[in-house]
Amino acid sequence: KVLETPPDLIVSVGTSAMFPYIAGPIVHPPQGSRTIDINPENHDL
C-alpha cells in the first residue's frame, strides 16, 4: 500500500536485499523515486 503512491526516496539500510520484496523497489523504483543504499560493502543491488 505504501508503494502505491511513489515515495520520493527509497533507502536500503544494512541489507544485501536478497528478498524480492526488498530488492523490487530498488531494482525497479517507482517513477520519480530515488534510491540510496547504506552498506559498508558492495552487493548485488
PDB file of all heavy atoms in Angstrom:
ATOM      1  N   LYS A   1       0.828  -1.203   0.000  1.00  0.00           N
ATOM      2  CA  LYS A   1       0.000   0.000   0.000  1.00  0.00           C
ATOM      3  C   LYS A   1       0.867   1.260   0.000  1.00  0.00           C
ATOM      4  O   LYS A   1       0.575   2.221  -0.699  1.00  0.00           O
ATOM      5  CB  LYS A   1      -0.950  -0.005   1.185  1.00  0.00           C
ATOM      6  CG  LYS A   1      -1.962   1.115   1.157  1.00  0.00           C
ATOM      7  CD  LYS A   1      -3.053   0.872   2.172  1.00  0.00           C
ATOM      8  CE  LYS A   1      -4.117   1.919   2.096  1.00  0.00           C
ATOM      9  NZ  LYS A   1      -4.971   1.841   0.930  1.00  0.00           N
ATOM     10  N   VAL A   2       1.943   1.235   0.766  1.00  0.00           N
ATOM     11  CA  VAL A   2       2.858   2.382   0.812  1.00  0.00           C
ATOM     12  C   VAL A   2       3.445   2.647  -0.579  1.00  0.00           C
ATOM     13  O   VAL A   2       3.584   3.799  -0.988  1.00  0.00           O
ATOM     14  CB  VAL A   2       3.988   2.145   1.849  1.00  0.00           C
ATOM     15  CG1 VAL A   2       5.128   3.126   1.661  1.00  0.00           C
ATOM     16  CG2 VAL A   2       3.434   2.232   3.256  1.00  0.00           C
ATOM     17  N   LEU A   3       3.760   1.598  -1.306  1.00  0.00           N
ATOM     18  CA  LEU A   3       4.378   1.763  -2.617  1.00  0.00           C
ATOM     19  C   LEU A   3       3.381   2.157  -3.710  1.00  0.00           C
ATOM     20  O   LEU A   3       3.784   2.477  -4.826  1.00  0.00           O
ATOM     21  CB  LEU A   3       5.128   0.499  -3.025  1.00  0.00           C
ATOM     22  CG  LEU A   3       6.399   0.217  -2.233  1.00  0.00           C
ATOM     23  CD1 LEU A   3       7.011  -1.108  -2.666  1.00  0.00           C
ATOM     24  CD2 LEU A   3       7.399   1.349  -2.362  1.00  0.00           C
ATOM     25  N   GLU A   4       2.074   2.157  -3.397  1.00  0.00           N
ATOM     26  CA  GLU A   4       1.083   2.587  -4.391  1.00  0.00           C
ATOM     27  C   GLU A   4       1.261   4.054  -4.754  1.00  0.00           C
ATOM     28  O   GLU A   4       1.016   4.455  -5.882  1.00  0.00           O
ATOM     29  CB  GLU A   4      -0.339   2.337  -3.871  1.00  0.00           C
ATOM     30  CG  GLU A   4      -0.729   0.889  -3.866  1.00  0.00           C
ATOM     31  CD  GLU A   4      -2.094   0.650  -3.246  1.00  0.00           C
ATOM     32  OE1 GLU A   4      -2.785   1.616  -2.878  1.00  0.00           O
ATOM     33  OE2 GLU A   4      -2.461  -0.534  -3.115  1.00  0.00           O
ATOM     34  N   THR A   5       1.653   4.863  -3.789  1.00  0.00           N
ATOM     35  CA  THR A   5       1.994   6.253  -4.047  1.00  0.00           C
ATOM     36  C   THR A   5       3.511   6.321  -4.057  1.00  0.00           C
ATOM     37  O   THR A   5       4.148   6.102  -3.027  1.00  0.00           O
ATOM     38  CB  THR A   5       1.444   7.178  -2.934  1.00  0.00           C
ATOM     39  OG1 THR A   5       0.036   7.017  -2.864  1.00  0.00           O
ATOM     40  CG2 THR A   5       1.791   8.624  -3.213  1.00  0.00           C
ATOM     41  N   PRO A   6       4.105   6.583  -5.214  1.00  0.00           N
ATOM     42  CA  PRO A   6       5.571   6.526  -5.295  1.00  0.00           C
ATOM     43  C   PRO A   6       6.245   7.430  -4.260  1.00  0.00           C
ATOM     44  O   PRO A   6       5.946   8.622  -4.186  1.00  0.00           O
ATOM     45  CB  PRO A   6       5.869   7.023  -6.715  1.00  0.00           C
ATOM     46  CG  PRO A   6       4.625   6.742  -7.481  1.00  0.00           C
ATOM     47  CD  PRO A   6       3.501   6.925  -6.499  1.00  0.00           C
ATOM     48  N   PRO A   7       7.112   6.848  -3.451  1.00  0.00           N
ATOM     49  CA  PRO A   7       7.843   7.663  -2.478  1.00  0.00           C
ATOM     50  C   PRO A   7       8.925   8.489  -3.175  1.00  0.00           C
ATOM     51  O   PRO A   7       9.397   8.123  -4.252  1.00  0.00           O
ATOM     52  CB  PRO A   7       8.474   6.623  -1.544  1.00  0.00           C
ATOM     53  CG  PRO A   7       8.588   5.388  -2.379  1.00  0.00           C
ATOM     54  CD  PRO A   7       7.447   5.428  -3.351  1.00  0.00           C
ATOM     55  N   ASP A   8       9.306   9.601  -2.557  1.00  0.00           N
ATOM     56  CA  ASP A   8      10.401  10.407  -3.094  1.00  0.00           C
ATOM     57  C   ASP A   8      11.722   9.667  -2.990  1.00  0.00           C
ATOM     58  O   ASP A   8      12.583   9.794  -3.854  1.00  0.00           O
ATOM     59  CB  ASP A   8      10.523  11.735  -2.342  1.00  0.00           C
ATOM     60  CG  ASP A   8       9.317  12.632  -2.544  1.00  0.00           C
ATOM     61  OD1 ASP A   8       8.708  12.575  -3.627  1.00  0.00           O
ATOM     62  OD2 ASP A   8       8.991  13.379  -1.610  1.00  0.00           O
ATOM     63  N   LEU A   9      11.871   8.890  -1.910  1.00  0.00           N
ATOM     64  CA  LEU A   9      13.139   8.251  -1.621  1.00  0.00           C
ATOM     65  C   LEU A   9      12.927   6.856  -1.051  1.00  0.00           C
ATOM     66  O   LEU A   9      12.078   6.653  -0.188  1.00  0.00           O
ATOM     67  CB  LEU A   9      13.922   9.096  -0.600  1.00  0.00           C
ATOM     68  CG  LEU A   9      15.299   8.619  -0.195  1.00  0.00           C
ATOM     69  CD1 LEU A   9      16.253   8.632  -1.394  1.00  0.00           C
ATOM     70  CD2 LEU A   9      15.839   9.486   0.932  1.00  0.00           C
ATOM     71  N   ILE A  10      13.707   5.909  -1.535  1.00  0.00           N
ATOM     72  CA  ILE A  10      13.717   4.545  -1.001  1.00  0.00           C
ATOM     73  C   ILE A  10      15.121   4.297  -0.465  1.00  0.00           C
ATOM     74  O   ILE A  10      16.106   4.451  -1.196  1.00  0.00           O
ATOM     75  CB  ILE A  10      13.367   3.503  -2.084  1.00  0.00           C
ATOM     76  CG1 ILE A  10      11.956   3.759  -2.618  1.00  0.00           C
ATOM     77  CG2 ILE A  10      13.511   2.089  -1.531  1.00  0.00           C
ATOM     78  CD1 ILE A  10      11.600   2.943  -3.834  1.00  0.00           C
ATOM     79  N   VAL A  11      15.212   3.940   0.816  1.00  0.00           N
ATOM     80  CA  VAL A  11      16.508   3.739   1.459  1.00  0.00           C
ATOM     81  C   VAL A  11      16.633   2.288   1.890  1.00  0.00           C
ATOM     82  O   VAL A  11      15.787   1.776   2.617  1.00  0.00           O
ATOM     83  CB  VAL A  11      16.671   4.667   2.685  1.00  0.00           C
ATOM     84  CG1 VAL A  11      18.043   4.480   3.316  1.00  0.00           C
ATOM     85  CG2 VAL A  11      16.456   6.127   2.290  1.00  0.00           C
ATOM     86  N   SER A  12      17.676   1.643   1.431  1.00  0.00           N
ATOM     87  CA  SER A  12      18.009   0.287   1.849  1.00  0.00           C
ATOM     88  C   SER A  12      19.147   0.402   2.852  1.00  0.00           C
ATOM     89  O   SER A  12      20.204   0.962   2.545  1.00  0.00           O
ATOM     90  CB  SER A  12      18.442  -0.534   0.630  1.00  0.00           C
ATOM     91  OG  SER A  12      18.952  -1.783   1.027  1.00  0.00           O
ATOM     92  N   VAL A  13      18.931  -0.121   4.070  1.00  0.00           N
ATOM     93  CA  VAL A  13      19.911   0.047   5.139  1.00  0.00           C
ATOM     94  C   VAL A  13      20.436  -1.295   5.601  1.00  0.00           C
ATOM     95  O   VAL A  13      19.678  -2.126   6.093  1.00  0.00           O
ATOM     96  CB  VAL A  13      19.299   0.799   6.344  1.00  0.00           C
ATOM     97  CG1 VAL A  13      20.341   0.995   7.435  1.00  0.00           C
ATOM     98  CG2 VAL A  13      18.720   2.133   5.906  1.00  0.00           C
ATOM     99  N   GLY A  14      21.738  -1.511   5.423  1.00  0.00           N
ATOM    100  CA  GLY A  14      22.425  -2.653   6.003  1.00  0.00           C
ATOM    101  C   GLY A  14      21.897  -4.007   5.595  1.00  0.00           C
ATOM    102  O   GLY A  14      21.871  -4.922   6.396  1.00  0.00           O
ATOM    103  N   THR A  15      21.487  -4.143   4.379  1.00  0.00           N
ATOM    104  CA  THR A  15      20.990  -5.441   3.922  1.00  0.00           C
ATOM    105  C   THR A  15      21.541  -5.740   2.554  1.00  0.00           C
ATOM    106  O   THR A  15      21.866  -4.838   1.788  1.00  0.00           O
ATOM    107  CB  THR A  15      19.446  -5.458   3.882  1.00  0.00           C
ATOM    108  OG1 THR A  15      19.025  -6.754   3.426  1.00  0.00           O
ATOM    109  CG2 THR A  15      18.896  -4.407   2.950  1.00  0.00           C
ATOM    110  N   SER A  16      21.650  -7.002   2.235  1.00  0.00           N
ATOM    111  CA  SER A  16      22.024  -7.369   0.871  1.00  0.00           C
ATOM    112  C   SER A  16      20.791  -7.361  -0.015  1.00  0.00           C
ATOM    113  O   SER A  16      20.885  -7.531  -1.218  1.00  0.00           O
ATOM    114  CB  SER A  16      22.692  -8.746   0.853  1.00  0.00           C
ATOM    115  OG  SER A  16      21.800  -9.713   1.371  1.00  0.00           O
ATOM    116  N   ALA A  17      19.626  -7.145   0.601  1.00  0.00           N
ATOM    117  CA  ALA A  17      18.361  -7.030  -0.126  1.00  0.00           C
ATOM    118  C   ALA A  17      18.115  -8.227  -1.043  1.00  0.00           C
ATOM    119  O   ALA A  17      17.683  -8.088  -2.162  1.00  0.00           O
ATOM    120  CB  ALA A  17      18.316  -5.716  -0.893  1.00  0.00           C
ATOM    121  N   MET A  18      18.368  -9.409  -0.527  1.00  0.00           N
ATOM    122  CA  MET A  18      18.227 -10.618  -1.328  1.00  0.00           C
ATOM    123  C   MET A  18      16.776 -11.036  -1.522  1.00  0.00           C
ATOM    124  O   MET A  18      16.494 -11.855  -2.372  1.00  0.00           O
ATOM    125  CB  MET A  18      19.001 -11.771  -0.694  1.00  0.00           C
ATOM    126  CG  MET A  18      20.482 -11.515  -0.643  1.00  0.00           C
ATOM    127  SD  MET A  18      21.476 -12.888   0.015  1.00  0.00           S
ATOM    128  CE  MET A  18      20.469 -13.649   1.248  1.00  0.00           C
ATOM    129  N   PHE A  19      15.865 -10.489  -0.744  1.00  0.00           N
ATOM    130  CA  PHE A  19      14.474 -10.889  -0.846  1.00  0.00           C
ATOM    131  C   PHE A  19      13.757 -10.024  -1.871  1.00  0.00           C
ATOM    132  O   PHE A  19      13.962  -8.814  -1.916  1.00  0.00           O
ATOM    133  CB  PHE A  19      13.792 -10.796   0.521  1.00  0.00           C
ATOM    134  CG  PHE A  19      14.469 -11.657   1.557  1.00  0.00           C
ATOM    135  CD1 PHE A  19      15.348 -11.100   2.468  1.00  0.00           C
ATOM    136  CD2 PHE A  19      14.260 -13.016   1.571  1.00  0.00           C
ATOM    137  CE1 PHE A  19      15.992 -11.899   3.405  1.00  0.00           C
ATOM    138  CE2 PHE A  19      14.894 -13.820   2.501  1.00  0.00           C
ATOM    139  CZ  PHE A  19      15.771 -13.261   3.419  1.00  0.00           C
ATOM    140  N   PRO A  20      12.904 -10.603  -2.694  1.00  0.00           N
ATOM    141  CA  PRO A  20      12.247  -9.838  -3.758  1.00  0.00           C
ATOM    142  C   PRO A  20      11.489  -8.610  -3.275  1.00  0.00           C
ATOM    143  O   PRO A  20      11.508  -7.578  -3.939  1.00  0.00           O
ATOM    144  CB  PRO A  20      11.293 -10.853  -4.389  1.00  0.00           C
ATOM    145  CG  PRO A  20      11.874 -12.182  -4.073  1.00  0.00           C
ATOM    146  CD  PRO A  20      12.553 -12.021  -2.735  1.00  0.00           C
ATOM    147  N   TYR A  21      10.846  -8.700  -2.126  1.00  0.00           N
ATOM    148  CA  TYR A  21      10.091  -7.540  -1.658  1.00  0.00           C
ATOM    149  C   TYR A  21      11.010  -6.400  -1.224  1.00  0.00           C
ATOM    150  O   TYR A  21      10.581  -5.251  -1.168  1.00  0.00           O
ATOM    151  CB  TYR A  21       9.097  -7.905  -0.550  1.00  0.00           C
ATOM    152  CG  TYR A  21       9.697  -8.484   0.717  1.00  0.00           C
ATOM    153  CD1 TYR A  21      10.115  -7.661   1.747  1.00  0.00           C
ATOM    154  CD2 TYR A  21       9.806  -9.858   0.877  1.00  0.00           C
ATOM    155  CE1 TYR A  21      10.646  -8.186   2.910  1.00  0.00           C
ATOM    156  CE2 TYR A  21      10.322 -10.397   2.039  1.00  0.00           C
ATOM    157  CZ  TYR A  21      10.753  -9.565   3.046  1.00  0.00           C
ATOM    158  OH  TYR A  21      11.273 -10.085   4.196  1.00  0.00           O
ATOM    159  N   ILE A  22      12.256  -6.683  -0.936  1.00  0.00           N
ATOM    160  CA  ILE A  22      13.227  -5.635  -0.628  1.00  0.00           C
ATOM    161  C   ILE A  22      13.892  -5.157  -1.912  1.00  0.00           C
ATOM    162  O   ILE A  22      14.023  -3.958  -2.152  1.00  0.00           O
ATOM    163  CB  ILE A  22      14.290  -6.132   0.374  1.00  0.00           C
ATOM    164  CG1 ILE A  22      13.637  -6.459   1.711  1.00  0.00           C
ATOM    165  CG2 ILE A  22      15.395  -5.101   0.543  1.00  0.00           C
ATOM    166  CD1 ILE A  22      14.558  -7.129   2.702  1.00  0.00           C
ATOM    167  N   ALA A  23      14.283  -6.076  -2.756  1.00  0.00           N
ATOM    168  CA  ALA A  23      15.006  -5.727  -3.972  1.00  0.00           C
ATOM    169  C   ALA A  23      14.124  -5.049  -5.013  1.00  0.00           C
ATOM    170  O   ALA A  23      14.584  -4.167  -5.743  1.00  0.00           O
ATOM    171  CB  ALA A  23      15.631  -6.987  -4.574  1.00  0.00           C
ATOM    172  N   GLY A  24      12.865  -5.410  -5.079  1.00  0.00           N
ATOM    173  CA  GLY A  24      11.977  -4.901  -6.122  1.00  0.00           C
ATOM    174  C   GLY A  24      11.968  -3.397  -6.268  1.00  0.00           C
ATOM    175  O   GLY A  24      12.222  -2.868  -7.360  1.00  0.00           O
ATOM    176  N   PRO A  25      11.688  -2.645  -5.199  1.00  0.00           N
ATOM    177  CA  PRO A  25      11.643  -1.193  -5.337  1.00  0.00           C
ATOM    178  C   PRO A  25      13.008  -0.558  -5.593  1.00  0.00           C
ATOM    179  O   PRO A  25      13.092   0.591  -5.999  1.00  0.00           O
ATOM    180  CB  PRO A  25      11.096  -0.713  -3.986  1.00  0.00           C
ATOM    181  CG  PRO A  25      10.491  -1.904  -3.355  1.00  0.00           C
ATOM    182  CD  PRO A  25      11.205  -3.093  -3.903  1.00  0.00           C
ATOM    183  N   ILE A  26      14.082  -1.296  -5.344  1.00  0.00           N
ATOM    184  CA  ILE A  26      15.417  -0.768  -5.613  1.00  0.00           C
ATOM    185  C   ILE A  26      15.791  -1.019  -7.070  1.00  0.00           C
ATOM    186  O   ILE A  26      16.276  -0.134  -7.770  1.00  0.00           O
ATOM    187  CB  ILE A  26      16.449  -1.402  -4.655  1.00  0.00           C
ATOM    188  CG1 ILE A  26      16.126  -0.993  -3.221  1.00  0.00           C
ATOM    189  CG2 ILE A  26      17.867  -0.987  -5.035  1.00  0.00           C
ATOM    190  CD1 ILE A  26      16.873  -1.750  -2.174  1.00  0.00           C
ATOM    191  N   VAL A  27      15.545  -2.223  -7.548  1.00  0.00           N
ATOM    192  CA  VAL A  27      15.862  -2.562  -8.930  1.00  0.00           C
ATOM    193  C   VAL A  27      14.906  -1.858  -9.894  1.00  0.00           C
ATOM    194  O   VAL A  27      15.309  -1.385 -10.953  1.00  0.00           O
ATOM    195  CB  VAL A  27      15.822  -4.095  -9.140  1.00  0.00           C
ATOM    196  CG1 VAL A  27      16.008  -4.460 -10.605  1.00  0.00           C
ATOM    197  CG2 VAL A  27      16.887  -4.777  -8.282  1.00  0.00           C
ATOM    198  N   HIS A  28      13.647  -1.774  -9.520  1.00  0.00           N
ATOM    199  CA  HIS A  28      12.617  -1.129 -10.351  1.00  0.00           C
ATOM    200  C   HIS A  28      11.882  -0.091  -9.506  1.00  0.00           C
ATOM    201  O   HIS A  28      10.723  -0.294  -9.142  1.00  0.00           O
ATOM    202  CB  HIS A  28      11.626  -2.164 -10.879  1.00  0.00           C
ATOM    203  CG  HIS A  28      12.263  -3.270 -11.641  1.00  0.00           C
ATOM    204  ND1 HIS A  28      12.807  -3.095 -12.887  1.00  0.00           N
ATOM    205  CD2 HIS A  28      12.466  -4.574 -11.328  1.00  0.00           C
ATOM    206  CE1 HIS A  28      13.306  -4.250 -13.314  1.00  0.00           C
ATOM    207  NE2 HIS A  28      13.120  -5.163 -12.377  1.00  0.00           N
ATOM    208  N   PRO A  29      12.536   1.031  -9.183  1.00  0.00           N
ATOM    209  CA  PRO A  29      11.868   2.023  -8.339  1.00  0.00           C
ATOM    210  C   PRO A  29      10.681   2.653  -9.056  1.00  0.00           C
ATOM    211  O   PRO A  29      10.689   2.781 -10.284  1.00  0.00           O
ATOM    212  CB  PRO A  29      12.964   3.054  -8.068  1.00  0.00           C
ATOM    213  CG  PRO A  29      13.930   2.901  -9.185  1.00  0.00           C
ATOM    214  CD  PRO A  29      13.856   1.457  -9.601  1.00  0.00           C
ATOM    215  N   PRO A  30       9.657   3.024  -8.306  1.00  0.00           N
ATOM    216  CA  PRO A  30       8.535   3.723  -8.929  1.00  0.00           C
ATOM    217  C   PRO A  30       9.040   5.004  -9.602  1.00  0.00           C
ATOM    218  O   PRO A  30      10.024   5.594  -9.159  1.00  0.00           O
ATOM    219  CB  PRO A  30       7.615   4.059  -7.746  1.00  0.00           C
ATOM    220  CG  PRO A  30       7.995   3.093  -6.674  1.00  0.00           C
ATOM    221  CD  PRO A  30       9.450   2.827  -6.872  1.00  0.00           C
ATOM    222  N   GLN A  31       8.377   5.392 -10.675  1.00  0.00           N
ATOM    223  CA  GLN A  31       8.800   6.575 -11.418  1.00  0.00           C
ATOM    224  C   GLN A  31       8.899   7.779 -10.485  1.00  0.00           C
ATOM    225  O   GLN A  31       7.990   8.054  -9.704  1.00  0.00           O
ATOM    226  CB  GLN A  31       7.822   6.882 -12.545  1.00  0.00           C
ATOM    227  CG  GLN A  31       8.299   8.002 -13.443  1.00  0.00           C
ATOM    228  CD  GLN A  31       7.412   8.157 -14.667  1.00  0.00           C
ATOM    229  OE1 GLN A  31       6.465   7.416 -14.859  1.00  0.00           O
ATOM    230  NE2 GLN A  31       7.735   9.127 -15.490  1.00  0.00           N
ATOM    231  N   GLY A  32      10.020   8.468 -10.534  1.00  0.00           N
ATOM    232  CA  GLY A  32      10.246   9.641  -9.707  1.00  0.00           C
ATOM    233  C   GLY A  32      10.906   9.351  -8.372  1.00  0.00           C
ATOM    234  O   GLY A  32      11.300  10.274  -7.673  1.00  0.00           O
ATOM    235  N   SER A  33      11.031   8.081  -8.003  1.00  0.00           N
ATOM    236  CA  SER A  33      11.664   7.721  -6.727  1.00  0.00           C
ATOM    237  C   SER A  33      13.176   7.619  -6.902  1.00  0.00           C
ATOM    238  O   SER A  33      13.658   7.098  -7.897  1.00  0.00           O
ATOM    239  CB  SER A  33      11.141   6.384  -6.212  1.00  0.00           C
ATOM    240  OG  SER A  33       9.764   6.445  -5.937  1.00  0.00           O
ATOM    241  N   ARG A  34      13.901   8.104  -5.922  1.00  0.00           N
ATOM    242  CA  ARG A  34      15.359   7.973  -5.884  1.00  0.00           C
ATOM    243  C   ARG A  34      15.703   6.876  -4.885  1.00  0.00           C
ATOM    244  O   ARG A  34      14.913   6.579  -3.983  1.00  0.00           O
ATOM    245  CB  ARG A  34      16.006   9.292  -5.447  1.00  0.00           C
ATOM    246  CG  ARG A  34      15.627  10.511  -6.277  1.00  0.00           C
ATOM    247  CD  ARG A  34      16.136  10.455  -7.661  1.00  0.00           C
ATOM    248  NE  ARG A  34      17.593  10.507  -7.598  1.00  0.00           N
ATOM    249  CZ  ARG A  34      18.360  10.791  -8.624  1.00  0.00           C
ATOM    250  NH1 ARG A  34      17.838  11.049  -9.773  1.00  0.00           N
ATOM    251  NH2 ARG A  34      19.662  10.807  -8.499  1.00  0.00           N
ATOM    252  N   THR A  35      16.879   6.272  -5.035  1.00  0.00           N
ATOM    253  CA  THR A  35      17.273   5.165  -4.161  1.00  0.00           C
ATOM    254  C   THR A  35      18.643   5.414  -3.537  1.00  0.00           C
ATOM    255  O   THR A  35      19.553   5.929  -4.190  1.00  0.00           O
ATOM    256  CB  THR A  35      17.300   3.836  -4.932  1.00  0.00           C
ATOM    257  OG1 THR A  35      18.153   3.970  -6.070  1.00  0.00           O
ATOM    258  CG2 THR A  35      15.907   3.433  -5.388  1.00  0.00           C
ATOM    259  N   ILE A  36      18.752   5.040  -2.268  1.00  0.00           N
ATOM    260  CA  ILE A  36      20.017   5.121  -1.534  1.00  0.00           C
ATOM    261  C   ILE A  36      20.245   3.781  -0.844  1.00  0.00           C
ATOM    262  O   ILE A  36      19.326   3.195  -0.282  1.00  0.00           O
ATOM    263  CB  ILE A  36      19.989   6.240  -0.467  1.00  0.00           C
ATOM    264  CG1 ILE A  36      19.859   7.613  -1.123  1.00  0.00           C
ATOM    265  CG2 ILE A  36      21.244   6.186   0.402  1.00  0.00           C
ATOM    266  CD1 ILE A  36      19.744   8.747  -0.117  1.00  0.00           C
ATOM    267  N   ASP A  37      21.480   3.333  -0.864  1.00  0.00           N
ATOM    268  CA  ASP A  37      21.876   2.109  -0.173  1.00  0.00           C
ATOM    269  C   ASP A  37      22.922   2.488   0.870  1.00  0.00           C
ATOM    270  O   ASP A  37      23.913   3.146   0.543  1.00  0.00           O
ATOM    271  CB  ASP A  37      22.464   1.115  -1.181  1.00  0.00           C
ATOM    272  CG  ASP A  37      22.987  -0.141  -0.526  1.00  0.00           C
ATOM    273  OD1 ASP A  37      22.304  -0.678   0.350  1.00  0.00           O
ATOM    274  OD2 ASP A  37      24.088  -0.588  -0.901  1.00  0.00           O
ATOM    275  N   ILE A  38      22.675   2.098   2.119  1.00  0.00           N
ATOM    276  CA  ILE A  38      23.641   2.320   3.193  1.00  0.00           C
ATOM    277  C   ILE A  38      24.179   0.966   3.595  1.00  0.00           C
ATOM    278  O   ILE A  38      23.461   0.150   4.172  1.00  0.00           O
ATOM    279  CB  ILE A  38      22.981   3.025   4.402  1.00  0.00           C
ATOM    280  CG1 ILE A  38      22.414   4.380   3.980  1.00  0.00           C
ATOM    281  CG2 ILE A  38      23.985   3.172   5.538  1.00  0.00           C
ATOM    282  CD1 ILE A  38      21.551   5.039   5.040  1.00  0.00           C
ATOM    283  N   ASN A  39      25.432   0.716   3.237  1.00  0.00           N
ATOM    284  CA  ASN A  39      26.022  -0.586   3.495  1.00  0.00           C
ATOM    285  C   ASN A  39      27.536  -0.464   3.326  1.00  0.00           C
ATOM    286  O   ASN A  39      27.989   0.071   2.318  1.00  0.00           O
ATOM    287  CB  ASN A  39      25.466  -1.619   2.510  1.00  0.00           C
ATOM    288  CG  ASN A  39      25.707  -3.042   2.954  1.00  0.00           C
ATOM    289  OD1 ASN A  39      26.786  -3.368   3.437  1.00  0.00           O
ATOM    290  ND2 ASN A  39      24.721  -3.889   2.780  1.00  0.00           N
ATOM    291  N   PRO A  40      28.320  -0.954   4.279  1.00  0.00           N
ATOM    292  CA  PRO A  40      29.773  -0.836   4.150  1.00  0.00           C
ATOM    293  C   PRO A  40      30.359  -1.722   3.045  1.00  0.00           C
ATOM    294  O   PRO A  40      31.530  -1.586   2.713  1.00  0.00           O
ATOM    295  CB  PRO A  40      30.309  -1.244   5.523  1.00  0.00           C
ATOM    296  CG  PRO A  40      29.227  -2.053   6.123  1.00  0.00           C
ATOM    297  CD  PRO A  40      27.930  -1.551   5.549  1.00  0.00           C
ATOM    298  N   GLU A  41      29.545  -2.579   2.462  1.00  0.00           N
ATOM    299  CA  GLU A  41      30.029  -3.457   1.396  1.00  0.00           C
ATOM    300  C   GLU A  41      29.170  -3.301   0.148  1.00  0.00           C
ATOM    301  O   GLU A  41      27.966  -3.064   0.230  1.00  0.00           O
ATOM    302  CB  GLU A  41      29.977  -4.918   1.851  1.00  0.00           C
ATOM    303  CG  GLU A  41      30.861  -5.200   3.045  1.00  0.00           C
ATOM    304  CD  GLU A  41      30.797  -6.651   3.472  1.00  0.00           C
ATOM    305  OE1 GLU A  41      30.351  -7.500   2.672  1.00  0.00           O
ATOM    306  OE2 GLU A  41      31.198  -6.940   4.612  1.00  0.00           O
ATOM    307  N   ASN A  42      29.799  -3.444  -0.992  1.00  0.00           N
ATOM    308  CA  ASN A  42      29.035  -3.523  -2.236  1.00  0.00           C
ATOM    309  C   ASN A  42      28.358  -4.891  -2.286  1.00  0.00           C
ATOM    310  O   ASN A  42      28.865  -5.869  -1.740  1.00  0.00           O
ATOM    311  CB  ASN A  42      29.948  -3.355  -3.443  1.00  0.00           C
ATOM    312  CG  ASN A  42      30.455  -1.941  -3.588  1.00  0.00           C
ATOM    313  OD1 ASN A  42      29.846  -1.005  -3.098  1.00  0.00           O
ATOM    314  ND2 ASN A  42      31.573  -1.776  -4.261  1.00  0.00           N
ATOM    315  N   HIS A  43      27.200  -4.946  -2.939  1.00  0.00           N
ATOM    316  CA  HIS A  43      26.478  -6.202  -3.083  1.00  0.00           C
ATOM    317  C   HIS A  43      25.711  -6.171  -4.395  1.00  0.00           C
ATOM    318  O   HIS A  43      25.874  -5.231  -5.187  1.00  0.00           O
ATOM    319  CB  HIS A  43      25.577  -6.469  -1.868  1.00  0.00           C
ATOM    320  CG  HIS A  43      24.672  -5.332  -1.539  1.00  0.00           C
ATOM    321  ND1 HIS A  43      23.450  -5.149  -2.134  1.00  0.00           N
ATOM    322  CD2 HIS A  43      24.829  -4.280  -0.689  1.00  0.00           C
ATOM    323  CE1 HIS A  43      22.888  -4.056  -1.659  1.00  0.00           C
ATOM    324  NE2 HIS A  43      23.698  -3.510  -0.789  1.00  0.00           N
ATOM    325  N   ASP A  44      24.875  -7.161  -4.639  1.00  0.00           N
ATOM    326  CA  ASP A  44      24.196  -7.294  -5.929  1.00  0.00           C
ATOM    327  C   ASP A  44      23.357  -6.080  -6.320  1.00  0.00           C
ATOM    328  O   ASP A  44      23.178  -5.800  -7.497  1.00  0.00           O
ATOM    329  CB  ASP A  44      23.307  -8.539  -5.948  1.00  0.00           C
ATOM    330  CG  ASP A  44      24.107  -9.824  -5.948  1.00  0.00           C
ATOM    331  OD1 ASP A  44      25.330  -9.769  -6.195  1.00  0.00           O
ATOM    332  OD2 ASP A  44      23.517 -10.887  -5.702  1.00  0.00           O
ATOM    333  N   LEU A  45      22.821  -5.358  -5.348  1.00  0.00           N
ATOM    334  CA  LEU A  45      21.959  -4.221  -5.666  1.00  0.00           C
ATOM    335  C   LEU A  45      22.700  -2.894  -5.784  1.00  0.00           C
ATOM    336  O   LEU A  45      22.136  -1.913  -6.245  1.00  0.00           O
ATOM    337  CB  LEU A  45      20.851  -4.094  -4.620  1.00  0.00           C
ATOM    338  CG  LEU A  45      19.882  -5.264  -4.583  1.00  0.00           C
ATOM    339  CD1 LEU A  45      18.842  -5.048  -3.509  1.00  0.00           C
ATOM    340  CD2 LEU A  45      19.215  -5.448  -5.928  1.00  0.00           C
TER     341      LEU A  45
END
